[in-house]
C-alpha cells in the first residue's frame, strides 16, 4: 500500500474545488474553520471511545476519519501538511518530556 498523508492532503485539496452539494469536503470547508474544527472534534471523541473499547475495526475506521478531518481542518486554515511534518521533525531531536517542558507556560 502506498497511500500517504500527502496523498490525502492532495485529495482533500482536489475535492475542495467541487461545489458543496457534491462533496463532503467542500461542504465542510464552506462552513469555515469552525465547522471543520467541530467535525474534527467529534471524530476525535469517537476515536477515543473506540480506543477505550479496544476493537480493532472501529479503531482503524475512526483513526481514518480523524486523519481525514485533520486534513480538512488544516485546509480550512491554509496550513500545509509540510508545516506539521516540519514541526514533528523539529521535535524528534529531544525526548517528549523535554519538548513538553520547553513549551511556554
C-alpha atoms as a PDB file:
ATOM      1  CA  UNK A   1       0.000   0.000   0.000  1.00  0.00           C
ATOM      2  CA  UNK A   2       1.375   3.381  -0.925  1.00  0.00           C
ATOM      3  CA  UNK A   3      -1.341   5.819   0.164  1.00  0.00           C
ATOM      4  CA  UNK A   4       0.153   8.560   2.331  1.00  0.00           C
ATOM      5  CA  UNK A   5      -0.920  11.624   4.256  1.00  0.00           C
ATOM      6  CA  UNK A   6       0.450  13.655   1.353  1.00  0.00           C
ATOM      7  CA  UNK A   7      -1.917  11.762  -0.953  1.00  0.00           C
ATOM      8  CA  UNK A   8      -4.782  12.503   1.437  1.00  0.00           C
ATOM      9  CA  UNK A   9      -3.857  16.186   1.528  1.00  0.00           C
ATOM     10  CA  UNK A  10      -3.931  16.270  -2.297  1.00  0.00           C
ATOM     11  CA  UNK A  11      -7.297  14.511  -2.397  1.00  0.00           C
ATOM     12  CA  UNK A  12      -8.764  16.983   0.103  1.00  0.00           C
ATOM     13  CA  UNK A  13      -7.441  19.892  -1.986  1.00  0.00           C
ATOM     14  CA  UNK A  14      -8.981  18.425  -5.127  1.00  0.00           C
ATOM     15  CA  UNK A  15     -12.359  17.747  -3.510  1.00  0.00           C
ATOM     16  CA  UNK A  16     -12.381  21.230  -2.003  1.00  0.00           C
ATOM     17  CA  UNK A  17     -12.801  22.596  -5.538  1.00  0.00           C
ATOM     18  CA  UNK A  18     -16.162  20.863  -6.015  1.00  0.00           C
ATOM     19  CA  UNK A  19     -19.498  22.509  -5.249  1.00  0.00           C
ATOM     20  CA  UNK A  20     -20.532  21.909  -1.611  1.00  0.00           C
ATOM     21  CA  UNK A  21     -23.608  19.963  -2.710  1.00  0.00           C
ATOM     22  CA  UNK A  22     -21.341  17.458  -4.495  1.00  0.00           C
ATOM     23  CA  UNK A  23     -18.526  16.969  -1.981  1.00  0.00           C
ATOM     24  CA  UNK A  24     -18.432  16.389   1.770  1.00  0.00           C
ATOM     25  CA  UNK A  25     -15.024  18.044   1.853  1.00  0.00           C
ATOM     26  CA  UNK A  26     -16.303  21.136   0.052  1.00  0.00           C
ATOM     27  CA  UNK A  27     -19.370  21.224   2.317  1.00  0.00           C
ATOM     28  CA  UNK A  28     -17.211  21.165   5.457  1.00  0.00           C
ATOM     29  CA  UNK A  29     -14.933  23.866   4.084  1.00  0.00           C
ATOM     30  CA  UNK A  30     -17.905  26.020   3.104  1.00  0.00           C
ATOM     31  CA  UNK A  31     -18.774  26.117   6.811  1.00  0.00           C
ATOM     32  CA  UNK A  32     -15.405  27.683   7.540  1.00  0.00           C
ATOM     33  CA  UNK A  33     -12.734  26.672  10.030  1.00  0.00           C
ATOM     34  CA  UNK A  34     -15.165  26.423  12.971  1.00  0.00           C
ATOM     35  CA  UNK A  35     -17.253  23.796  11.128  1.00  0.00           C
ATOM     36  CA  UNK A  36     -14.156  21.811  10.181  1.00  0.00           C
ATOM     37  CA  UNK A  37     -12.860  22.023  13.752  1.00  0.00           C
ATOM     38  CA  UNK A  38     -16.180  20.882  15.227  1.00  0.00           C
ATOM     39  CA  UNK A  39     -16.282  17.853  12.941  1.00  0.00           C
ATOM     40  CA  UNK A  40     -12.658  17.011  13.749  1.00  0.00           C
ATOM     41  CA  UNK A  41     -13.507  17.161  17.459  1.00  0.00           C
ATOM     42  CA  UNK A  42     -16.482  14.849  17.005  1.00  0.00           C
ATOM     43  CA  UNK A  43     -14.324  12.335  15.164  1.00  0.00           C
ATOM     44  CA  UNK A  44     -11.578  12.576  17.788  1.00  0.00           C
ATOM     45  CA  UNK A  45     -14.081  11.740  20.522  1.00  0.00           C
ATOM     46  CA  UNK A  46     -15.314   8.762  18.501  1.00  0.00           C
ATOM     47  CA  UNK A  47     -11.718   7.554  18.201  1.00  0.00           C
ATOM     48  CA  UNK A  48     -11.189   7.910  21.947  1.00  0.00           C
ATOM     49  CA  UNK A  49     -14.274   5.780  22.552  1.00  0.00           C
ATOM     50  CA  UNK A  50     -13.103   3.167  20.055  1.00  0.00           C
ATOM     51  CA  UNK A  51      -9.640   3.071  21.648  1.00  0.00           C
ATOM     52  CA  UNK A  52     -11.227   2.599  25.048  1.00  0.00           C
ATOM     53  CA  UNK A  53     -13.397  -0.258  23.809  1.00  0.00           C
ATOM     54  CA  UNK A  54     -10.449  -1.902  22.059  1.00  0.00           C
ATOM     55  CA  UNK A  55     -11.976  -3.403  18.905  1.00  0.00           C
ATOM     56  CA  UNK A  56      -9.505  -3.091  16.017  1.00  0.00           C
ATOM     57  CA  UNK A  57     -12.021  -2.478  13.205  1.00  0.00           C
ATOM     58  CA  UNK A  58     -13.695   0.542  14.798  1.00  0.00           C
ATOM     59  CA  UNK A  59     -10.311   1.931  15.908  1.00  0.00           C
ATOM     60  CA  UNK A  60      -8.974   1.768  12.351  1.00  0.00           C
ATOM     61  CA  UNK A  61     -12.146   3.322  10.902  1.00  0.00           C
ATOM     62  CA  UNK A  62     -12.239   6.149  13.435  1.00  0.00           C
ATOM     63  CA  UNK A  63      -8.497   6.808  13.079  1.00  0.00           C
ATOM     64  CA  UNK A  64      -9.030   7.170   9.321  1.00  0.00           C
ATOM     65  CA  UNK A  65     -11.875   9.625   9.988  1.00  0.00           C
ATOM     66  CA  UNK A  66      -9.637  11.634  12.333  1.00  0.00           C
ATOM     67  CA  UNK A  67      -6.818  11.849   9.788  1.00  0.00           C
ATOM     68  CA  UNK A  68      -9.217  12.900   7.021  1.00  0.00           C
ATOM     69  CA  UNK A  69     -10.884  15.558   9.165  1.00  0.00           C
ATOM     70  CA  UNK A  70      -7.473  16.794  10.350  1.00  0.00           C
ATOM     71  CA  UNK A  71      -6.510  17.364   6.710  1.00  0.00           C
ATOM     72  CA  UNK A  72      -9.784  19.235   6.135  1.00  0.00           C
ATOM     73  CA  UNK A  73      -9.118  21.399   9.200  1.00  0.00           C
ATOM     74  CA  UNK A  74      -5.628  22.210   8.017  1.00  0.00           C
ATOM     75  CA  UNK A  75      -7.000  23.057   4.562  1.00  0.00           C
ATOM     76  CA  UNK A  76      -9.604  25.330   6.177  1.00  0.00           C
ATOM     77  CA  UNK A  77      -6.738  27.343   7.708  1.00  0.00           C
ATOM     78  CA  UNK A  78      -4.457  27.033   4.648  1.00  0.00           C
ATOM     79  CA  UNK A  79      -1.817  25.214   6.674  1.00  0.00           C
ATOM     80  CA  UNK A  80       0.145  22.711   4.584  1.00  0.00           C
ATOM     81  CA  UNK A  81       0.866  19.248   5.902  1.00  0.00           C
ATOM     82  CA  UNK A  82       4.553  20.031   5.343  1.00  0.00           C
ATOM     83  CA  UNK A  83       4.397  22.579   8.180  1.00  0.00           C
ATOM     84  CA  UNK A  84       3.076  19.947  10.574  1.00  0.00           C
ATOM     85  CA  UNK A  85       5.704  17.451   9.440  1.00  0.00           C
ATOM     86  CA  UNK A  86       8.446  20.060   9.918  1.00  0.00           C
ATOM     87  CA  UNK A  87       7.254  20.605  13.474  1.00  0.00           C
ATOM     88  CA  UNK A  88       7.296  16.870  14.134  1.00  0.00           C
ATOM     89  CA  UNK A  89      10.803  16.656  12.687  1.00  0.00           C
ATOM     90  CA  UNK A  90      11.924  19.532  14.911  1.00  0.00           C
ATOM     91  CA  UNK A  91      10.663  17.667  17.944  1.00  0.00           C
ATOM     92  CA  UNK A  92      12.473  14.408  17.162  1.00  0.00           C
ATOM     93  CA  UNK A  93      15.768  15.810  18.386  1.00  0.00           C
ATOM     94  CA  UNK A  94      14.674  15.641  22.034  1.00  0.00           C
ATOM     95  CA  UNK A  95      12.573  13.487  24.280  1.00  0.00           C
ATOM     96  CA  UNK A  96       8.856  14.165  24.515  1.00  0.00           C
ATOM     97  CA  UNK A  97       9.255  15.111  28.161  1.00  0.00           C
ATOM     98  CA  UNK A  98      11.966  17.659  27.376  1.00  0.00           C
ATOM     99  CA  UNK A  99       9.954  19.084  24.483  1.00  0.00           C
ATOM    100  CA  UNK A 100       6.867  19.487  26.651  1.00  0.00           C
ATOM    101  CA  UNK A 101       8.887  21.136  29.435  1.00  0.00           C
ATOM    102  CA  UNK A 102      10.304  23.669  26.953  1.00  0.00           C
ATOM    103  CA  UNK A 103       6.883  24.954  25.895  1.00  0.00           C
ATOM    104  CA  UNK A 104       5.814  28.395  27.143  1.00  0.00           C
ATOM    105  CA  UNK A 105       3.501  28.192  30.132  1.00  0.00           C
END
